[in-house]
């Protein structure tokens, strides 16, 4: 029997970048120091300096949207909790938020 294992490989695209000699040498030194290929150093740099701040900005905007659109607290918390638990676990399930007493 032959079993093949595949890795999830992201689709990649090849680009060409023109660097000054000093830029190339500096990146090559970083790659050698870290034991990485030059292309890996460039990809990591793109993620860290270009894509990273954009991802943080998007997360910050999503968080602010959640924090600014708040719902009012329920008038009867116990009734709200029962309804929430019924919706989450089903109305046929018995649930209690109280902890059982020790030694009873």
Protein backbone atom coordinates (compact mmCIF):
# COMPACT_ATOMS: atom_id res chain seq x y z
CA UNK A 1 0.00 0.00 0.00
CA UNK A 2 1.32 3.44 -0.93
CA UNK A 3 0.48 6.35 1.36
CA UNK A 4 1.29 9.84 0.23
CA UNK A 5 1.54 12.69 2.67
CA UNK A 6 1.12 16.21 1.43
CA UNK A 7 1.91 19.41 3.18
CA UNK A 8 -0.28 22.47 2.92
CA UNK A 9 1.87 24.56 0.64
CA UNK A 10 0.87 28.15 0.09
CA UNK A 11 0.69 29.26 -3.49
CA UNK A 12 3.69 31.44 -4.14
CA UNK A 13 4.68 33.88 -6.82
CA UNK A 14 8.12 34.75 -7.97
CA UNK A 15 9.13 38.39 -8.16
CA UNK A 16 12.30 40.17 -9.13
CA UNK A 17 13.77 42.86 -6.90
CA UNK A 18 16.73 45.05 -7.74
CA UNK A 19 18.96 45.86 -4.77
CA UNK A 20 22.03 47.99 -4.38
CA UNK A 21 25.21 45.99 -3.73
CA UNK A 22 25.32 47.18 -0.12
CA UNK A 23 21.70 46.11 0.45
CA UNK A 24 22.35 42.67 -1.05
CA UNK A 25 25.49 42.16 1.02
CA UNK A 26 23.74 43.20 4.23
CA UNK A 27 20.87 40.77 3.57
CA UNK A 28 23.31 38.00 2.64
CA UNK A 29 25.15 38.53 5.94
CA UNK A 30 21.89 38.33 7.89
CA UNK A 31 20.93 35.15 6.05
CA UNK A 32 24.32 33.55 6.72
CA UNK A 33 24.28 34.57 10.37
CA UNK A 34 20.79 33.13 10.88
CA UNK A 35 21.38 30.04 8.74
CA UNK A 36 18.63 30.96 6.31
CA UNK A 37 18.35 31.47 2.60
CA UNK A 38 18.37 35.03 1.32
CA UNK A 39 14.82 34.63 -0.03
CA UNK A 40 13.58 33.60 3.44
CA UNK A 41 15.10 36.74 4.97
CA UNK A 42 13.40 38.89 2.35
CA UNK A 43 10.00 37.16 2.87
CA UNK A 44 10.26 37.54 6.65
CA UNK A 45 11.16 41.21 6.22
CA UNK A 46 8.13 41.81 4.02
CA UNK A 47 5.86 40.18 6.60
CA UNK A 48 7.41 42.03 9.53
CA UNK A 49 7.70 45.52 8.08
CA UNK A 50 4.97 45.70 5.46
CA UNK A 51 2.25 43.18 6.21
CA UNK A 52 2.60 43.02 10.01
CA UNK A 53 1.58 46.63 10.68
CA UNK A 54 -1.40 46.27 8.33
CA UNK A 55 -2.59 43.14 10.15
CA UNK A 56 -2.23 44.89 13.51
CA UNK A 57 -4.14 47.88 12.18
CA UNK A 58 -7.00 45.64 10.96
CA UNK A 59 -7.17 43.85 14.34
CA UNK A 60 -7.17 47.18 16.18
CA UNK A 61 -10.03 48.46 13.99
CA UNK A 62 -12.05 45.28 14.58
CA UNK A 63 -11.51 45.54 18.34
CA UNK A 64 -12.56 49.17 18.39
CA UNK A 65 -15.71 48.32 16.43
CA UNK A 66 -16.58 45.64 19.00
CA UNK A 67 -15.93 47.94 21.93
CA UNK A 68 -17.96 50.85 20.57
CA UNK A 69 -21.05 48.76 19.76
CA UNK A 70 -21.95 47.45 23.19
CA UNK A 71 -25.27 45.89 24.13
CA UNK A 72 -27.05 47.02 27.28
CA UNK A 73 -26.88 44.64 30.25
CA UNK A 74 -29.88 42.31 30.69
CA UNK A 75 -32.59 43.47 33.09
CA UNK A 76 -32.95 39.98 34.63
CA UNK A 77 -29.57 38.29 34.55
CA UNK A 78 -30.83 34.90 35.78
CA UNK A 79 -33.48 34.77 33.03
CA UNK A 80 -30.92 35.84 30.44
CA UNK A 81 -28.48 33.17 31.64
CA UNK A 82 -31.15 30.44 31.44
CA UNK A 83 -32.05 31.51 27.93
CA UNK A 84 -28.39 31.64 26.90
CA UNK A 85 -27.69 28.17 28.30
CA UNK A 86 -30.83 26.76 26.67
CA UNK A 87 -29.74 28.16 23.32
CA UNK A 88 -26.18 26.98 23.74
CA UNK A 89 -26.75 23.50 25.16
CA UNK A 90 -30.40 22.80 24.35
CA UNK A 91 -33.47 23.30 26.50
CA UNK A 92 -33.63 19.60 27.42
CA UNK A 93 -30.25 19.76 29.16
CA UNK A 94 -30.26 20.54 32.86
CA UNK A 95 -27.60 23.03 33.72
CA UNK A 96 -26.67 24.82 36.86
CA UNK A 97 -24.15 27.56 37.34
CA UNK A 98 -23.92 26.80 41.05
CA UNK A 99 -21.10 24.68 42.33
CA UNK A 100 -22.10 21.58 44.34
CA UNK A 101 -21.59 21.86 48.06
CA UNK A 102 -18.63 20.11 49.60
CA UNK A 103 -19.50 17.14 51.86
CA UNK A 104 -23.21 16.96 50.99
